[in-house]
Amino acid sequence: MHDHDTSEALASYADVLAGELPDSWSSSHLPADAKDDLAELADHIWDLDLVAASLAEHPLQQAAVLSRPDGAQLVVLNRHDERGGFLIAAVAPRTLPDEAYRAVPEPNGIALADDPFLSAEQIAGDLLVRYDGALAQARHNALALACIQPSQPDRVVLTWQPDGSVATAPVDARASAVLVANGFVQDPQSGIYRLNGDDTQAQARALREIGPQLAPLGIGTALQHPAGRTAPTSTPASMPPAPAGTRTPATRAR
């Protein structure tokens, strides 16, 4: 098969695959002339098994990248053996520090048949389950490295950072919406929400306003320094009264 035909087959396969996977995925193709992008991608393929062995013998010449809005990515590669088909592997988030991957098992890739519909079922029941688990563990490790205490469903923990920003990782989607409405920006790779300190008055105003907005949702707040010491001026948001009758994450592959 000519290179052009091989490239089209890979791109078409990945397009169909993206539409069949659970949640929302988009597909993009990296051709042979995208050498820098291919080199960076190869450096972040999260695999120490089948895909790593293939790349050791056949350096990445082209690839299709599947992307999910939360930053998760999968890479689809041609399979260079008599069995045909394709290989798929997880991509490690580029923004997480290497230490975040310590003791996190690699979500090693798998081989796929030529049928993208059957392959989507295989990916959803195997690779994605392991990938999402590894992502959650690595992101949790990143929180610890950034000295950010994990939040709870009923409590958002805000932590001052050395650069003057405030960071947090809310559990509740309602809390996330309140944070975003008050200027916090989420890093899709780590899941961490940050409020920069470029405008200290705007930052202070946002920190004052989120407590009263979260309280009606039954969510408190705590503002802490990286060492875990609560800031002297911070107080948890008051909890609304309960209605009557209710009181009683191995080092990733490089």
C-alpha atoms as a PDB file:
ATOM      1  CA  MET A   1       0.000   0.000   0.000  1.00  0.00           C
ATOM      2  CA  HIS A   2       1.343   3.440  -0.902  1.00  0.00           C
ATOM      3  CA  ASP A   3       2.139   5.912   1.865  1.00  0.00           C
ATOM      4  CA  HIS A   4      -0.741   8.134   0.754  1.00  0.00           C
ATOM      5  CA  ASP A   5      -3.174   5.231   0.951  1.00  0.00           C
ATOM      6  CA  THR A   6      -1.809   4.207   4.351  1.00  0.00           C
ATOM      7  CA  SER A   7      -2.196   7.757   5.633  1.00  0.00           C
ATOM      8  CA  GLU A   8      -5.786   8.006   4.415  1.00  0.00           C
ATOM      9  CA  ALA A   9      -6.672   4.618   5.894  1.00  0.00           C
ATOM     10  CA  LEU A  10      -5.301   5.624   9.300  1.00  0.00           C
ATOM     11  CA  ALA A  11      -7.061   8.993   9.312  1.00  0.00           C
ATOM     12  CA  SER A  12     -10.396   7.496   8.196  1.00  0.00           C
ATOM     13  CA  TYR A  13     -10.191   4.710  10.767  1.00  0.00           C
ATOM     14  CA  ALA A  14      -9.467   7.200  13.550  1.00  0.00           C
ATOM     15  CA  ASP A  15     -12.343   9.454  12.482  1.00  0.00           C
ATOM     16  CA  VAL A  16     -14.836   6.592  12.745  1.00  0.00           C
ATOM     17  CA  LEU A  17     -13.304   5.427  16.027  1.00  0.00           C
ATOM     18  CA  ALA A  18     -13.645   8.886  17.590  1.00  0.00           C
ATOM     19  CA  GLY A  19     -17.343   8.920  16.778  1.00  0.00           C
ATOM     20  CA  GLU A  20     -17.936   5.516  18.349  1.00  0.00           C
ATOM     21  CA  LEU A  21     -16.121   5.985  21.677  1.00  0.00           C
ATOM     22  CA  PRO A  22     -18.105   6.973  24.777  1.00  0.00           C
ATOM     23  CA  ASP A  23     -18.154  10.686  25.641  1.00  0.00           C
ATOM     24  CA  SER A  24     -17.013  13.244  23.081  1.00  0.00           C
ATOM     25  CA  TRP A  25     -13.815  12.644  21.099  1.00  0.00           C
ATOM     26  CA  SER A  26     -12.283  14.453  18.136  1.00  0.00           C
ATOM     27  CA  SER A  27      -9.682  13.129  15.726  1.00  0.00           C
ATOM     28  CA  SER A  28      -6.673  14.808  14.109  1.00  0.00           C
ATOM     29  CA  HIS A  29      -3.987  13.387  11.833  1.00  0.00           C
ATOM     30  CA  LEU A  30      -0.250  14.033  12.076  1.00  0.00           C
ATOM     31  CA  PRO A  31       1.420  13.383   8.701  1.00  0.00           C
ATOM     32  CA  ALA A  32       5.037  12.468   8.116  1.00  0.00           C
ATOM     33  CA  ASP A  33       6.135  16.086   7.637  1.00  0.00           C
ATOM     34  CA  ALA A  34       4.944  17.050  11.146  1.00  0.00           C
ATOM     35  CA  LYS A  35       8.232  15.791  12.549  1.00  0.00           C
ATOM     36  CA  ASP A  36       8.382  17.968  15.658  1.00  0.00           C
ATOM     37  CA  ASP A  37       4.813  17.149  16.673  1.00  0.00           C
ATOM     38  CA  LEU A  38       5.405  13.441  16.072  1.00  0.00           C
ATOM     39  CA  ALA A  39       8.585  13.507  18.152  1.00  0.00           C
ATOM     40  CA  GLU A  40       6.801  15.205  21.056  1.00  0.00           C
ATOM     41  CA  LEU A  41       3.895  12.790  20.795  1.00  0.00           C
ATOM     42  CA  ALA A  42       6.196   9.762  20.810  1.00  0.00           C
ATOM     43  CA  ASP A  43       7.846  11.093  23.951  1.00  0.00           C
ATOM     44  CA  HIS A  44       4.500  11.087  25.780  1.00  0.00           C
ATOM     45  CA  ILE A  45       3.054   7.739  24.675  1.00  0.00           C
ATOM     46  CA  TRP A  46       2.175   6.032  27.950  1.00  0.00           C
ATOM     47  CA  ASP A  47       3.201   2.462  27.242  1.00  0.00           C
ATOM     48  CA  LEU A  48       5.917  -0.004  28.195  1.00  0.00           C
ATOM     49  CA  ASP A  49       4.581  -3.014  26.326  1.00  0.00           C
ATOM     50  CA  LEU A  50       3.182  -3.635  22.833  1.00  0.00           C
ATOM     51  CA  VAL A  51       3.295  -0.081  21.497  1.00  0.00           C
ATOM     52  CA  ALA A  52       6.691   0.675  23.012  1.00  0.00           C
ATOM     53  CA  ALA A  53       8.110  -2.454  21.380  1.00  0.00           C
ATOM     54  CA  SER A  54       6.647  -1.431  18.016  1.00  0.00           C
ATOM     55  CA  LEU A  55       8.059   2.103  18.254  1.00  0.00           C
ATOM     56  CA  ALA A  56      11.496   0.723  19.116  1.00  0.00           C
ATOM     57  CA  GLU A  57      11.597  -0.953  15.704  1.00  0.00           C
ATOM     58  CA  HIS A  58       9.439   1.474  13.727  1.00  0.00           C
ATOM     59  CA  PRO A  59       9.835   5.117  14.795  1.00  0.00           C
ATOM     60  CA  LEU A  60       6.684   7.203  14.530  1.00  0.00           C
ATOM     61  CA  GLN A  61       6.146   8.337  10.926  1.00  0.00           C
ATOM     62  CA  GLN A  62       2.491   9.338  11.194  1.00  0.00           C
ATOM     63  CA  ALA A  63      -0.277   9.090  13.768  1.00  0.00           C
ATOM     64  CA  ALA A  64      -3.889   9.910  14.469  1.00  0.00           C
ATOM     65  CA  VAL A  65      -4.647  11.593  17.804  1.00  0.00           C
ATOM     66  CA  LEU A  66      -8.009  11.233  19.522  1.00  0.00           C
ATOM     67  CA  SER A  67      -8.738  13.998  22.028  1.00  0.00           C
ATOM     68  CA  ARG A  68     -11.361  14.339  24.767  1.00  0.00           C
ATOM     69  CA  PRO A  69     -12.380  17.756  26.174  1.00  0.00           C
ATOM     70  CA  ASP A  70     -10.878  16.958  29.588  1.00  0.00           C
ATOM     71  CA  GLY A  71      -7.396  16.659  28.046  1.00  0.00           C
ATOM     72  CA  ALA A  72      -7.248  12.882  27.676  1.00  0.00           C
ATOM     73  CA  GLN A  73      -5.660  11.720  24.430  1.00  0.00           C
ATOM     74  CA  LEU A  74      -5.225   8.436  22.603  1.00  0.00           C
ATOM     75  CA  VAL A  75      -2.893   7.814  19.679  1.00  0.00           C
ATOM     76  CA  VAL A  76      -3.655   5.415  16.822  1.00  0.00           C
ATOM     77  CA  LEU A  77      -0.694   3.934  14.927  1.00  0.00           C
ATOM     78  CA  ASN A  78      -0.181   1.592  12.020  1.00  0.00           C
ATOM     79  CA  ARG A  79       0.734  -1.935  12.972  1.00  0.00           C
ATOM     80  CA  HIS A  80       3.900  -3.156  11.252  1.00  0.00           C
ATOM     81  CA  ASP A  81       3.428  -6.920  11.126  1.00  0.00           C
ATOM     82  CA  GLU A  82       1.642  -9.581   9.145  1.00  0.00           C
ATOM     83  CA  ARG A  83      -1.494  -9.289  11.279  1.00  0.00           C
ATOM     84  CA  GLY A  84      -2.423  -5.853   9.978  1.00  0.00           C
ATOM     85  CA  GLY A  85      -4.799  -3.566  11.800  1.00  0.00           C
ATOM     86  CA  PHE A  86      -3.712  -0.795  14.121  1.00  0.00           C
ATOM     87  CA  LEU A  87      -2.302  -0.087  17.569  1.00  0.00           C
ATOM     88  CA  ILE A  88      -3.722   2.375  20.073  1.00  0.00           C
ATOM     89  CA  ALA A  89      -2.092   3.797  23.179  1.00  0.00           C
ATOM     90  CA  ALA A  90      -2.772   6.402  25.839  1.00  0.00           C
ATOM     91  CA  VAL A  91      -0.941   9.729  25.866  1.00  0.00           C
ATOM     92  CA  ALA A  92       0.411  11.043  29.164  1.00  0.00           C
ATOM     93  CA  PRO A  93      -0.675  14.637  29.918  1.00  0.00           C
ATOM     94  CA  ARG A  94       2.115  17.024  29.000  1.00  0.00           C
ATOM     95  CA  THR A  95       1.535  19.459  31.883  1.00  0.00           C
ATOM     96  CA  LEU A  96       1.918  17.028  34.776  1.00  0.00           C
ATOM     97  CA  PRO A  97       5.367  16.785  36.388  1.00  0.00           C
ATOM     98  CA  ASP A  98       7.267  13.534  35.972  1.00  0.00           C
ATOM     99  CA  GLU A  99       6.984  12.889  39.712  1.00  0.00           C
ATOM    100  CA  ALA A 100       3.200  12.669  39.367  1.00  0.00           C
ATOM    101  CA  TYR A 101       3.612   9.389  37.468  1.00  0.00           C
ATOM    102  CA  ARG A 102       5.600   7.677  40.187  1.00  0.00           C
ATOM    103  CA  ALA A 103       4.020   4.304  41.115  1.00  0.00           C
ATOM    104  CA  VAL A 104       1.240   4.808  38.538  1.00  0.00           C
ATOM    105  CA  PRO A 105       0.922   1.688  36.331  1.00  0.00           C
ATOM    106  CA  GLU A 106       1.192   2.394  32.610  1.00  0.00           C
ATOM    107  CA  PRO A 107      -2.151   1.984  30.827  1.00  0.00           C
ATOM    108  CA  ASN A 108      -0.427  -0.023  28.101  1.00  0.00           C
ATOM    109  CA  GLY A 109      -1.892   0.065  24.610  1.00  0.00           C
ATOM    110  CA  ILE A 110      -3.668  -2.670  22.697  1.00  0.00           C
ATOM    111  CA  ALA A 111      -3.899  -4.020  19.154  1.00  0.00           C
ATOM    112  CA  LEU A 112      -6.997  -3.261  17.099  1.00  0.00           C
ATOM    113  CA  ALA A 113      -8.627  -5.079  14.218  1.00  0.00           C
ATOM    114  CA  ASP A 114      -9.617  -3.326  10.993  1.00  0.00           C
ATOM    115  CA  ASP A 115     -13.196  -2.889  12.220  1.00  0.00           C
ATOM    116  CA  PRO A 116     -13.405   0.455  14.097  1.00  0.00           C
ATOM    117  CA  PHE A 117     -16.847  -0.351  15.517  1.00  0.00           C
ATOM    118  CA  LEU A 118     -15.674  -3.496  17.286  1.00  0.00           C
ATOM    119  CA  SER A 119     -12.455  -1.723  18.243  1.00  0.00           C
ATOM    120  CA  ALA A 120     -14.404   1.077  19.947  1.00  0.00           C
ATOM    121  CA  GLU A 121     -16.100  -1.489  22.192  1.00  0.00           C
ATOM    122  CA  GLN A 122     -12.729  -3.052  22.997  1.00  0.00           C
ATOM    123  CA  ILE A 123     -11.192   0.318  23.860  1.00  0.00           C
ATOM    124  CA  ALA A 124     -14.129   1.379  26.032  1.00  0.00           C
ATOM    125  CA  GLY A 125     -14.077  -1.845  28.029  1.00  0.00           C
ATOM    126  CA  ASP A 126     -10.314  -2.112  28.435  1.00  0.00           C
ATOM    127  CA  LEU A 127      -7.888   0.694  27.580  1.00  0.00           C
ATOM    128  CA  LEU A 128     -10.139   3.579  28.595  1.00  0.00           C
ATOM    129  CA  VAL A 129     -10.890   2.008  31.958  1.00  0.00           C
ATOM    130  CA  ARG A 130      -7.188   1.625  32.726  1.00  0.00           C
ATOM    131  CA  TYR A 131      -6.326   5.028  31.251  1.00  0.00           C
ATOM    132  CA  ASP A 132      -8.941   6.902  33.268  1.00  0.00           C
ATOM    133  CA  GLY A 133      -7.756   5.155  36.426  1.00  0.00           C
ATOM    134  CA  ALA A 134      -4.123   6.054  35.727  1.00  0.00           C
ATOM    135  CA  LEU A 135      -5.080   9.645  34.886  1.00  0.00           C
ATOM    136  CA  ALA A 136      -6.992  10.043  38.146  1.00  0.00           C
ATOM    137  CA  GLN A 137      -4.040   8.711  40.139  1.00  0.00           C
ATOM    138  CA  ALA A 138      -1.497  10.906  38.345  1.00  0.00           C
ATOM    139  CA  ARG A 139      -3.644  14.001  38.763  1.00  0.00           C
ATOM    140  CA  HIS A 140      -4.114  13.219  42.445  1.00  0.00           C
ATOM    141  CA  ASN A 141      -0.318  12.942  42.769  1.00  0.00           C
ATOM    142  CA  ALA A 142       0.042  16.295  41.026  1.00  0.00           C
ATOM    143  CA  LEU A 143      -2.239  17.873  43.615  1.00  0.00           C
ATOM    144  CA  ALA A 144      -0.028  16.543  46.387  1.00  0.00           C
ATOM    145  CA  LEU A 145       3.102  17.817  44.645  1.00  0.00           C
ATOM    146  CA  ALA A 146       1.520  21.247  44.316  1.00  0.00           C
ATOM    147  CA  CYS A 147       0.611  21.085  48.010  1.00  0.00           C
ATOM    148  CA  ILE A 148      -3.071  21.260  47.124  1.00  0.00           C
ATOM    149  CA  GLN A 149      -5.259  19.330  49.485  1.00  0.00           C
ATOM    150  CA  PRO A 150      -8.041  17.413  47.727  1.00  0.00           C
ATOM    151  CA  SER A 151     -11.463  18.954  48.144  1.00  0.00           C
ATOM    152  CA  GLN A 152     -14.498  17.065  49.413  1.00  0.00           C
ATOM    153  CA  PRO A 153     -18.049  17.056  48.040  1.00  0.00           C
ATOM    154  CA  ASP A 154     -19.080  19.473  50.786  1.00  0.00           C
ATOM    155  CA  ARG A 155     -15.858  21.477  51.086  1.00  0.00           C
ATOM    156  CA  VAL A 156     -13.650  23.293  48.563  1.00  0.00           C
ATOM    157  CA  VAL A 157     -10.060  23.646  49.738  1.00  0.00           C
ATOM    158  CA  LEU A 158      -8.278  26.693  48.269  1.00  0.00           C
ATOM    159  CA  THR A 159      -4.495  26.805  48.535  1.00  0.00           C
ATOM    160  CA  TRP A 160      -2.183  29.775  48.071  1.00  0.00           C
ATOM    161  CA  GLN A 161       0.615  29.097  45.581  1.00  0.00           C
ATOM    162  CA  PRO A 162       4.156  30.534  45.569  1.00  0.00           C
ATOM    163  CA  ASP A 163       3.359  32.639  42.488  1.00  0.00           C
ATOM    164  CA  GLY A 164       0.496  34.380  44.281  1.00  0.00           C
ATOM    165  CA  SER A 165      -2.269  32.417  42.617  1.00  0.00           C
ATOM    166  CA  VAL A 166      -4.866  30.327  44.431  1.00  0.00           C
ATOM    167  CA  ALA A 167      -5.444  26.730  43.340  1.00  0.00           C
ATOM    168  CA  THR A 168      -8.053  24.090  44.067  1.00  0.00           C
ATOM    169  CA  ALA A 169      -9.513  20.858  42.725  1.00  0.00           C
ATOM    170  CA  PRO A 170     -13.266  20.870  43.416  1.00  0.00           C
ATOM    171  CA  VAL A 171     -15.160  17.591  43.477  1.00  0.00           C
ATOM    172  CA  ASP A 172     -18.639  18.918  42.750  1.00  0.00           C
ATOM    173  CA  ALA A 173     -19.559  20.205  39.272  1.00  0.00           C
ATOM    174  CA  ARG A 174     -21.669  22.918  40.921  1.00  0.00           C
ATOM    175  CA  ALA A 175     -18.604  24.153  42.806  1.00  0.00           C
ATOM    176  CA  SER A 176     -16.631  24.146  39.572  1.00  0.00           C
ATOM    177  CA  ALA A 177     -19.236  26.373  37.936  1.00  0.00           C
ATOM    178  CA  VAL A 178     -19.055  28.872  40.809  1.00  0.00           C
ATOM    179  CA  LEU A 179     -15.266  28.983  40.623  1.00  0.00           C
ATOM    180  CA  VAL A 180     -15.250  29.558  36.865  1.00  0.00           C
ATOM    181  CA  ALA A 181     -17.865  32.304  37.224  1.00  0.00           C
ATOM    182  CA  ASN A 182     -15.481  34.072  39.610  1.00  0.00           C
ATOM    183  CA  GLY A 183     -12.380  33.939  37.450  1.00  0.00           C
ATOM    184  CA  PHE A 184     -10.855  30.527  38.125  1.00  0.00           C
ATOM    185  CA  VAL A 185      -9.451  28.778  35.052  1.00  0.00           C
ATOM    186  CA  GLN A 186      -9.158  25.000  34.824  1.00  0.00           C
ATOM    187  CA  ASP A 187      -6.110  23.245  33.443  1.00  0.00           C
ATOM    188  CA  PRO A 188      -7.710  20.444  31.389  1.00  0.00           C
ATOM    189  CA  GLN A 189      -4.692  18.187  31.870  1.00  0.00           C
ATOM    190  CA  SER A 190      -4.362  18.304  35.658  1.00  0.00           C
ATOM    191  CA  GLY A 191      -7.937  19.273  36.498  1.00  0.00           C
ATOM    192  CA  ILE A 192      -6.629  22.019  38.821  1.00  0.00           C
ATOM    193  CA  TYR A 193      -8.504  25.333  38.946  1.00  0.00           C
ATOM    194  CA  ARG A 194      -6.382  28.480  39.392  1.00  0.00           C
ATOM    195  CA  LEU A 195      -7.155  32.091  40.174  1.00  0.00           C
ATOM    196  CA  ASN A 196      -4.147  34.212  39.233  1.00  0.00           C
ATOM    197  CA  GLY A 197      -2.857  36.978  41.450  1.00  0.00           C
ATOM    198  CA  ASP A 198      -2.013  39.543  38.765  1.00  0.00           C
ATOM    199  CA  ASP A 199      -4.812  41.763  40.055  1.00  0.00           C
ATOM    200  CA  THR A 200      -4.796  41.313  43.817  1.00  0.00           C
ATOM    201  CA  GLN A 201      -7.951  43.379  44.342  1.00  0.00           C
ATOM    202  CA  ALA A 202      -9.895  41.294  41.819  1.00  0.00           C
ATOM    203  CA  GLN A 203      -8.501  38.134  43.372  1.00  0.00           C
ATOM    204  CA  ALA A 204      -9.533  39.200  46.887  1.00  0.00           C
ATOM    205  CA  ARG A 205     -13.001  40.135  45.656  1.00  0.00           C
ATOM    206  CA  ALA A 206     -13.434  36.730  43.994  1.00  0.00           C
ATOM    207  CA  LEU A 207     -12.335  34.915  47.145  1.00  0.00           C
ATOM    208  CA  ARG A 208     -14.840  36.903  49.205  1.00  0.00           C
ATOM    209  CA  GLU A 209     -17.692  36.149  46.821  1.00  0.00           C
ATOM    210  CA  ILE A 210     -17.350  32.416  46.267  1.00  0.00           C
ATOM    211  CA  GLY A 211     -18.126  31.508  49.897  1.00  0.00           C
ATOM    212  CA  PRO A 212     -21.623  33.032  49.930  1.00  0.00           C
ATOM    213  CA  GLN A 213     -22.300  31.534  46.483  1.00  0.00           C
ATOM    214  CA  LEU A 214     -21.247  28.029  47.547  1.00  0.00           C
ATOM    215  CA  ALA A 215     -22.987  28.079  50.929  1.00  0.00           C
ATOM    216  CA  PRO A 216     -26.545  27.663  49.539  1.00  0.00           C
ATOM    217  CA  LEU A 217     -25.271  24.549  47.771  1.00  0.00           C
ATOM    218  CA  GLY A 218     -24.166  23.051  51.073  1.00  0.00           C
ATOM    219  CA  ILE A 219     -20.489  23.522  50.185  1.00  0.00           C
ATOM    220  CA  GLY A 220     -18.043  25.180  52.543  1.00  0.00           C
ATOM    221  CA  THR A 221     -14.623  26.661  51.795  1.00  0.00           C
ATOM    222  CA  ALA A 222     -11.216  26.719  53.439  1.00  0.00           C
ATOM    223  CA  LEU A 223      -8.286  28.906  52.386  1.00  0.00           C
ATOM    224  CA  GLN A 224      -4.880  27.475  53.218  1.00  0.00           C
ATOM    225  CA  HIS A 225      -1.189  28.045  52.748  1.00  0.00           C
ATOM    226  CA  PRO A 226       0.798  25.284  50.986  1.00  0.00           C
ATOM    227  CA  ALA A 227       2.001  23.836  54.267  1.00  0.00           C
ATOM    228  CA  GLY A 228      -1.591  23.148  55.199  1.00  0.00           C
ATOM    229  CA  ARG A 229      -1.910  25.991  57.725  1.00  0.00           C
ATOM    230  CA  THR A 230      -5.227  27.776  57.439  1.00  0.00           C
ATOM    231  CA  ALA A 231      -4.879  31.455  56.616  1.00  0.00           C
ATOM    232  CA  PRO A 232      -5.749  33.595  59.661  1.00  0.00           C
ATOM    233  CA  THR A 233      -8.450  35.517  57.826  1.00  0.00           C
ATOM    234  CA  SER A 234     -10.195  32.504  56.288  1.00  0.00           C
ATOM    235  CA  THR A 235     -13.335  30.972  57.673  1.00  0.00           C
ATOM    236  CA  PRO A 236     -15.432  28.135  56.286  1.00  0.00           C
ATOM    237  CA  ALA A 237     -18.579  29.206  54.499  1.00  0.00           C
ATOM    238  CA  SER A 238     -21.608  28.760  56.704  1.00  0.00           C
ATOM    239  CA  MET A 239     -23.698  25.682  56.020  1.00  0.00           C
ATOM    240  CA  PRO A 240     -27.399  26.214  55.306  1.00  0.00           C
ATOM    241  CA  PRO A 241     -29.748  24.785  57.925  1.00  0.00           C
ATOM    242  CA  ALA A 242     -30.814  21.216  57.247  1.00  0.00           C
ATOM    243  CA  PRO A 243     -34.479  20.715  56.334  1.00  0.00           C
ATOM    244  CA  ALA A 244     -36.748  19.441  59.063  1.00  0.00           C
ATOM    245  CA  GLY A 245     -36.475  15.713  59.599  1.00  0.00           C
ATOM    246  CA  THR A 246     -32.949  15.400  58.176  1.00  0.00           C
ATOM    247  CA  ARG A 247     -30.744  16.261  61.154  1.00  0.00           C
ATOM    248  CA  THR A 248     -29.033  13.183  62.595  1.00  0.00           C
ATOM    249  CA  PRO A 249      -3.931   8.454  41.153  1.00  0.00           C
ATOM    250  CA  ALA A 250       5.447   3.815  37.988  1.00  0.00           C
ATOM    251  CA  THR A 251       7.025   6.220  36.050  1.00  0.00           C
ATOM    252  CA  ARG A 252       5.499   6.883  32.669  1.00  0.00           C
ATOM    253  CA  ALA A 253       7.154   5.775  29.478  1.00  0.00           C
ATOM    254  CA  ARG A 254       9.278   8.360  27.775  1.00  0.00           C
END
